[in-house]
Amino acid sequence: MKTQIEIFTQPTCVDCQTAKAYFQQRGIEYVEHNIEDPESFHELHTRVNRVATPTIFIADRVFFGFANNREEIEIALTEMMK
């Protein structure tokens, strides 16, 4: 089964660190892609036609940024867990 949560990050992104800490504190598994890796950069650009971090995929939804989308992310996680 494919992991339902993916986070595209970069090391200097504070919002990325906050997002990862949020998932880790709740024991929610995710796959991280560092966009400093050319393959990850290309994959993100191909999937959403832009590059922003963090970009968070939860099931079939995509969120650009964590802090400004936290409520919607929590809803998506709740729906995914059903």
C-alpha atoms as a PDB file:
ATOM      1  CA  MET A   1       0.000   0.000   0.000  1.00  0.00           C
ATOM      2  CA  LYS A   2       1.325   3.427  -0.948  1.00  0.00           C
ATOM      3  CA  THR A   3       2.039   5.820   1.896  1.00  0.00           C
ATOM      4  CA  GLN A   4      -0.796   8.288   2.007  1.00  0.00           C
ATOM      5  CA  ILE A   5       1.219  11.222   3.361  1.00  0.00           C
ATOM      6  CA  GLU A   6       4.172  12.808   1.606  1.00  0.00           C
ATOM      7  CA  ILE A   7       5.948  16.012   2.568  1.00  0.00           C
ATOM      8  CA  PHE A   8       8.256  17.887   0.215  1.00  0.00           C
ATOM      9  CA  THR A   9      10.704  19.868   2.339  1.00  0.00           C
ATOM     10  CA  GLN A  10      13.999  21.702   2.384  1.00  0.00           C
ATOM     11  CA  PRO A  11      16.408  21.915   5.340  1.00  0.00           C
ATOM     12  CA  THR A  12      16.150  25.687   5.913  1.00  0.00           C
ATOM     13  CA  CYS A  13      12.326  25.762   5.923  1.00  0.00           C
ATOM     14  CA  VAL A  14      10.950  26.483   9.409  1.00  0.00           C
ATOM     15  CA  ASP A  15       7.381  25.590   8.375  1.00  0.00           C
ATOM     16  CA  CYS A  16       8.725  22.234   7.130  1.00  0.00           C
ATOM     17  CA  GLN A  17      10.267  21.514  10.540  1.00  0.00           C
ATOM     18  CA  THR A  18       6.984  22.433  12.231  1.00  0.00           C
ATOM     19  CA  ALA A  19       5.025  20.126   9.923  1.00  0.00           C
ATOM     20  CA  LYS A  20       7.371  17.197  10.500  1.00  0.00           C
ATOM     21  CA  ALA A  21       7.274  17.719  14.272  1.00  0.00           C
ATOM     22  CA  TYR A  22       3.460  17.794  14.142  1.00  0.00           C
ATOM     23  CA  PHE A  23       3.292  14.426  12.375  1.00  0.00           C
ATOM     24  CA  GLN A  24       6.043  12.866  14.510  1.00  0.00           C
ATOM     25  CA  GLN A  25       4.448  13.956  17.807  1.00  0.00           C
ATOM     26  CA  ARG A  26       1.213  12.269  16.734  1.00  0.00           C
ATOM     27  CA  GLY A  27       2.917   9.102  15.502  1.00  0.00           C
ATOM     28  CA  ILE A  28       1.711   9.707  11.943  1.00  0.00           C
ATOM     29  CA  GLU A  29       3.937   8.111   9.323  1.00  0.00           C
ATOM     30  CA  TYR A  30       4.930  10.090   6.253  1.00  0.00           C
ATOM     31  CA  VAL A  31       7.478  10.009   3.471  1.00  0.00           C
ATOM     32  CA  GLU A  32       9.761  13.022   3.276  1.00  0.00           C
ATOM     33  CA  HIS A  33      11.227  14.298   0.014  1.00  0.00           C
ATOM     34  CA  ASN A  34      14.000  16.889   0.257  1.00  0.00           C
ATOM     35  CA  ILE A  35      13.732  19.180  -2.767  1.00  0.00           C
ATOM     36  CA  GLU A  36      17.484  19.788  -2.646  1.00  0.00           C
ATOM     37  CA  ASP A  37      17.595  16.356  -4.278  1.00  0.00           C
ATOM     38  CA  PRO A  38      17.085  16.992  -8.019  1.00  0.00           C
ATOM     39  CA  GLU A  39      14.748  13.998  -8.396  1.00  0.00           C
ATOM     40  CA  SER A  40      12.489  15.218  -5.590  1.00  0.00           C
ATOM     41  CA  PHE A  41      12.533  18.757  -6.975  1.00  0.00           C
ATOM     42  CA  HIS A  42      11.535  17.467 -10.409  1.00  0.00           C
ATOM     43  CA  GLU A  43       8.831  15.182  -8.966  1.00  0.00           C
ATOM     44  CA  LEU A  44       7.231  18.035  -7.019  1.00  0.00           C
ATOM     45  CA  HIS A  45       7.324  20.392  -9.983  1.00  0.00           C
ATOM     46  CA  THR A  46       5.855  17.727 -12.249  1.00  0.00           C
ATOM     47  CA  ARG A  47       3.037  16.845  -9.835  1.00  0.00           C
ATOM     48  CA  VAL A  48       1.838  20.367  -8.991  1.00  0.00           C
ATOM     49  CA  ASN A  49       3.592  22.616 -11.517  1.00  0.00           C
ATOM     50  CA  ARG A  50       5.233  24.650  -8.763  1.00  0.00           C
ATOM     51  CA  VAL A  51       7.849  24.324  -6.051  1.00  0.00           C
ATOM     52  CA  ALA A  52       6.951  25.436  -2.527  1.00  0.00           C
ATOM     53  CA  THR A  53       7.853  23.967   0.842  1.00  0.00           C
ATOM     54  CA  PRO A  54       6.381  22.352   2.622  1.00  0.00           C
ATOM     55  CA  THR A  55       4.067  20.808   0.103  1.00  0.00           C
ATOM     56  CA  ILE A  56       2.025  18.156   1.860  1.00  0.00           C
ATOM     57  CA  PHE A  57       0.089  15.413   0.095  1.00  0.00           C
ATOM     58  CA  ILE A  58      -2.538  13.650   2.197  1.00  0.00           C
ATOM     59  CA  ALA A  59      -4.331  10.960   0.221  1.00  0.00           C
ATOM     60  CA  ASP A  60      -5.652  12.849  -2.831  1.00  0.00           C
ATOM     61  CA  ARG A  61      -5.317  16.354  -1.336  1.00  0.00           C
ATOM     62  CA  VAL A  62      -2.407  18.790  -1.553  1.00  0.00           C
ATOM     63  CA  PHE A  63      -1.498  21.604   0.827  1.00  0.00           C
ATOM     64  CA  PHE A  64       1.042  24.351   0.189  1.00  0.00           C
ATOM     65  CA  GLY A  65       2.404  25.299   3.597  1.00  0.00           C
ATOM     66  CA  PHE A  66       1.628  23.891   7.014  1.00  0.00           C
ATOM     67  CA  ALA A  67       0.826  26.707   9.448  1.00  0.00           C
ATOM     68  CA  ASN A  68      -1.706  28.373   7.165  1.00  0.00           C
ATOM     69  CA  ASN A  69      -3.400  25.030   6.395  1.00  0.00           C
ATOM     70  CA  ARG A  70      -3.275  23.312   9.773  1.00  0.00           C
ATOM     71  CA  GLU A  71      -7.045  23.088  10.297  1.00  0.00           C
ATOM     72  CA  GLU A  72      -7.611  21.690   6.805  1.00  0.00           C
ATOM     73  CA  ILE A  73      -4.736  19.240   7.296  1.00  0.00           C
ATOM     74  CA  GLU A  74      -6.290  18.001  10.552  1.00  0.00           C
ATOM     75  CA  ILE A  75      -9.617  17.478   8.734  1.00  0.00           C
ATOM     76  CA  ALA A  76      -7.869  15.582   5.920  1.00  0.00           C
ATOM     77  CA  LEU A  77      -6.072  13.371   8.443  1.00  0.00           C
ATOM     78  CA  THR A  78      -9.311  12.618  10.258  1.00  0.00           C
ATOM     79  CA  GLU A  79     -11.008  11.694   6.980  1.00  0.00           C
ATOM     80  CA  MET A  80      -8.041   9.535   5.939  1.00  0.00           C
ATOM     81  CA  MET A  81      -8.124   7.604   9.230  1.00  0.00           C
ATOM     82  CA  LYS A  82     -11.805   6.638   8.850  1.00  0.00           C
END
